Amino acid sequence: MKNNDFLSGYKKYNPTEEGYGDSWSWRKAFYQRLSPDEAKRILNEKDPYEILGIRHNATIEDIKKAYKREAMKWHPDRNPDNLEYATKRMQLINAAYCLLVK
């Protein structure tokens, strides 16, 4: 079995058409964080601690646990019946996490 055989079933990302990225594109995008300015723009004066449901004196571990909990709860794949709200909520959750974890 060749190294790339497991990727053969995935659609490749094409910037001129709609498409899904390969696994490496998704992984790269996952590890990129929003800049603080972008995160503040998305949050629009909302409290990042409130979005994640944690206290202001939370530790880094608490922030990471809260992020994972909220991301699992509001991921669009888990909320197909309320896709628009789940997508907006995930944007807020990601922005809050990026702002709090520097």
C-alpha atoms as a PDB file:
ATOM      1  CA  MET A   1       0.000   0.000   0.000  1.00  0.00           C
ATOM      2  CA  LYS A   2       1.402   3.366  -0.979  1.00  0.00           C
ATOM      3  CA  ASN A   3       1.581   6.262   1.491  1.00  0.00           C
ATOM      4  CA  ASN A   4      -1.122   8.312  -0.283  1.00  0.00           C
ATOM      5  CA  ASP A   5      -3.641   5.495  -0.889  1.00  0.00           C
ATOM      6  CA  PHE A   6      -5.687   6.487   2.160  1.00  0.00           C
ATOM      7  CA  LEU A   7      -6.217   9.950   0.605  1.00  0.00           C
ATOM      8  CA  SER A   8      -7.556   8.602  -2.667  1.00  0.00           C
ATOM      9  CA  GLY A   9     -11.189   8.880  -1.537  1.00  0.00           C
ATOM     10  CA  TYR A  10     -10.939  12.535  -0.511  1.00  0.00           C
ATOM     11  CA  LYS A  11     -11.837  15.366  -2.839  1.00  0.00           C
ATOM     12  CA  LYS A  12      -8.975  17.729  -3.525  1.00  0.00           C
ATOM     13  CA  TYR A  13      -9.417  21.443  -2.900  1.00  0.00           C
ATOM     14  CA  ASN A  14      -9.661  23.540  -6.011  1.00  0.00           C
ATOM     15  CA  PRO A  15      -9.595  27.322  -5.405  1.00  0.00           C
ATOM     16  CA  THR A  16     -11.550  28.045  -8.603  1.00  0.00           C
ATOM     17  CA  GLU A  17     -14.386  25.677  -7.670  1.00  0.00           C
ATOM     18  CA  GLU A  18     -16.067  24.632  -4.486  1.00  0.00           C
ATOM     19  CA  GLY A  19     -14.379  21.638  -2.981  1.00  0.00           C
ATOM     20  CA  TYR A  20     -13.047  19.923   0.057  1.00  0.00           C
ATOM     21  CA  GLY A  21      -9.418  20.223   0.991  1.00  0.00           C
ATOM     22  CA  ASP A  22      -7.183  17.255   1.439  1.00  0.00           C
ATOM     23  CA  SER A  23      -6.299  16.202   4.970  1.00  0.00           C
ATOM     24  CA  TRP A  24      -3.087  18.248   5.029  1.00  0.00           C
ATOM     25  CA  SER A  25      -4.971  21.436   4.104  1.00  0.00           C
ATOM     26  CA  TRP A  26      -7.460  20.824   6.890  1.00  0.00           C
ATOM     27  CA  ARG A  27      -4.676  20.132   9.387  1.00  0.00           C
ATOM     28  CA  LYS A  28      -2.817  23.309   8.392  1.00  0.00           C
ATOM     29  CA  ALA A  29      -5.995  25.381   8.715  1.00  0.00           C
ATOM     30  CA  PHE A  30      -6.757  23.841  12.118  1.00  0.00           C
ATOM     31  CA  TYR A  31      -3.405  24.887  13.574  1.00  0.00           C
ATOM     32  CA  GLN A  32      -3.623  28.438  12.281  1.00  0.00           C
ATOM     33  CA  ARG A  33      -5.069  30.750  14.877  1.00  0.00           C
ATOM     34  CA  LEU A  34      -6.869  33.990  14.351  1.00  0.00           C
ATOM     35  CA  SER A  35      -4.935  37.139  15.067  1.00  0.00           C
ATOM     36  CA  PRO A  36      -6.089  39.052  18.161  1.00  0.00           C
ATOM     37  CA  ASP A  37      -7.527  41.795  15.953  1.00  0.00           C
ATOM     38  CA  GLU A  38      -9.566  39.299  13.921  1.00  0.00           C
ATOM     39  CA  ALA A  39     -10.783  37.594  17.098  1.00  0.00           C
ATOM     40  CA  LYS A  40     -11.863  40.922  18.631  1.00  0.00           C
ATOM     41  CA  ARG A  41     -13.691  41.828  15.424  1.00  0.00           C
ATOM     42  CA  ILE A  42     -15.598  38.533  15.461  1.00  0.00           C
ATOM     43  CA  LEU A  43     -16.415  38.798  19.172  1.00  0.00           C
ATOM     44  CA  ASN A  44     -17.685  42.374  18.749  1.00  0.00           C
ATOM     45  CA  GLU A  45     -17.444  43.448  22.420  1.00  0.00           C
ATOM     46  CA  LYS A  46     -18.626  40.050  23.756  1.00  0.00           C
ATOM     47  CA  ASP A  47     -16.814  38.552  26.732  1.00  0.00           C
ATOM     48  CA  PRO A  48     -14.708  35.556  25.617  1.00  0.00           C
ATOM     49  CA  TYR A  49     -14.922  34.020  29.093  1.00  0.00           C
ATOM     50  CA  GLU A  50     -18.710  34.123  28.954  1.00  0.00           C
ATOM     51  CA  ILE A  51     -18.760  32.499  25.513  1.00  0.00           C
ATOM     52  CA  LEU A  52     -16.678  29.588  26.795  1.00  0.00           C
ATOM     53  CA  GLY A  53     -18.611  29.468  30.072  1.00  0.00           C
ATOM     54  CA  ILE A  54     -15.623  29.913  32.384  1.00  0.00           C
ATOM     55  CA  ARG A  55     -14.536  32.290  35.143  1.00  0.00           C
ATOM     56  CA  HIS A  56     -12.129  35.164  34.528  1.00  0.00           C
ATOM     57  CA  ASN A  57      -9.480  33.506  36.691  1.00  0.00           C
ATOM     58  CA  ALA A  58      -9.518  30.250  34.674  1.00  0.00           C
ATOM     59  CA  THR A  59      -6.257  28.469  33.964  1.00  0.00           C
ATOM     60  CA  ILE A  60      -5.022  27.504  30.508  1.00  0.00           C
ATOM     61  CA  GLU A  61      -6.170  23.935  31.138  1.00  0.00           C
ATOM     62  CA  ASP A  62      -9.673  25.181  32.037  1.00  0.00           C
ATOM     63  CA  ILE A  63      -9.787  27.267  28.863  1.00  0.00           C
ATOM     64  CA  LYS A  64      -8.747  24.299  26.706  1.00  0.00           C
ATOM     65  CA  LYS A  65     -11.308  22.003  28.351  1.00  0.00           C
ATOM     66  CA  ALA A  66     -14.057  24.596  27.919  1.00  0.00           C
ATOM     67  CA  TYR A  67     -13.094  25.114  24.281  1.00  0.00           C
ATOM     68  CA  LYS A  68     -13.241  21.389  23.565  1.00  0.00           C
ATOM     69  CA  ARG A  69     -16.565  21.023  25.388  1.00  0.00           C
ATOM     70  CA  GLU A  70     -18.174  23.929  23.512  1.00  0.00           C
ATOM     71  CA  ALA A  71     -16.665  22.902  20.169  1.00  0.00           C
ATOM     72  CA  MET A  72     -18.033  19.378  20.524  1.00  0.00           C
ATOM     73  CA  LYS A  73     -21.432  20.750  21.500  1.00  0.00           C
ATOM     74  CA  TRP A  74     -21.759  23.375  18.740  1.00  0.00           C
ATOM     75  CA  HIS A  75     -19.847  21.846  15.837  1.00  0.00           C
ATOM     76  CA  PRO A  76     -21.966  22.205  12.663  1.00  0.00           C
ATOM     77  CA  ASP A  77     -21.662  18.471  11.924  1.00  0.00           C
ATOM     78  CA  ARG A  78     -23.431  17.755  15.221  1.00  0.00           C
ATOM     79  CA  ASN A  79     -26.169  20.337  14.599  1.00  0.00           C
ATOM     80  CA  PRO A  80     -27.367  19.792  11.033  1.00  0.00           C
ATOM     81  CA  ASP A  81     -30.884  20.988  11.885  1.00  0.00           C
ATOM     82  CA  ASN A  82     -29.576  24.350  13.154  1.00  0.00           C
ATOM     83  CA  LEU A  83     -26.589  24.766  10.858  1.00  0.00           C
ATOM     84  CA  GLU A  84     -26.549  28.564  10.592  1.00  0.00           C
ATOM     85  CA  TYR A  85     -26.598  29.162  14.360  1.00  0.00           C
ATOM     86  CA  ALA A  86     -24.038  26.401  14.994  1.00  0.00           C
ATOM     87  CA  THR A  87     -21.664  27.936  12.448  1.00  0.00           C
ATOM     88  CA  LYS A  88     -21.926  31.381  14.040  1.00  0.00           C
ATOM     89  CA  ARG A  89     -21.489  29.888  17.493  1.00  0.00           C
ATOM     90  CA  MET A  90     -18.353  28.005  16.387  1.00  0.00           C
ATOM     91  CA  GLN A  91     -16.898  31.238  15.024  1.00  0.00           C
ATOM     92  CA  LEU A  92     -17.435  32.884  18.417  1.00  0.00           C
ATOM     93  CA  ILE A  93     -15.974  29.899  20.259  1.00  0.00           C
ATOM     94  CA  ASN A  94     -12.876  29.851  18.037  1.00  0.00           C
ATOM     95  CA  ALA A  95     -12.401  33.614  18.377  1.00  0.00           C
ATOM     96  CA  ALA A  96     -12.720  33.429  22.173  1.00  0.00           C
ATOM     97  CA  TYR A  97     -10.210  30.585  22.362  1.00  0.00           C
ATOM     98  CA  CYS A  98      -7.716  32.367  20.103  1.00  0.00           C
ATOM     99  CA  LEU A  99      -7.998  35.531  22.152  1.00  0.00           C
ATOM    100  CA  LEU A 100      -7.510  33.790  25.511  1.00  0.00           C
ATOM    101  CA  VAL A 101      -4.753  31.343  24.520  1.00  0.00           C
ATOM    102  CA  LYS A 102      -1.848  33.410  23.281  1.00  0.00           C
END
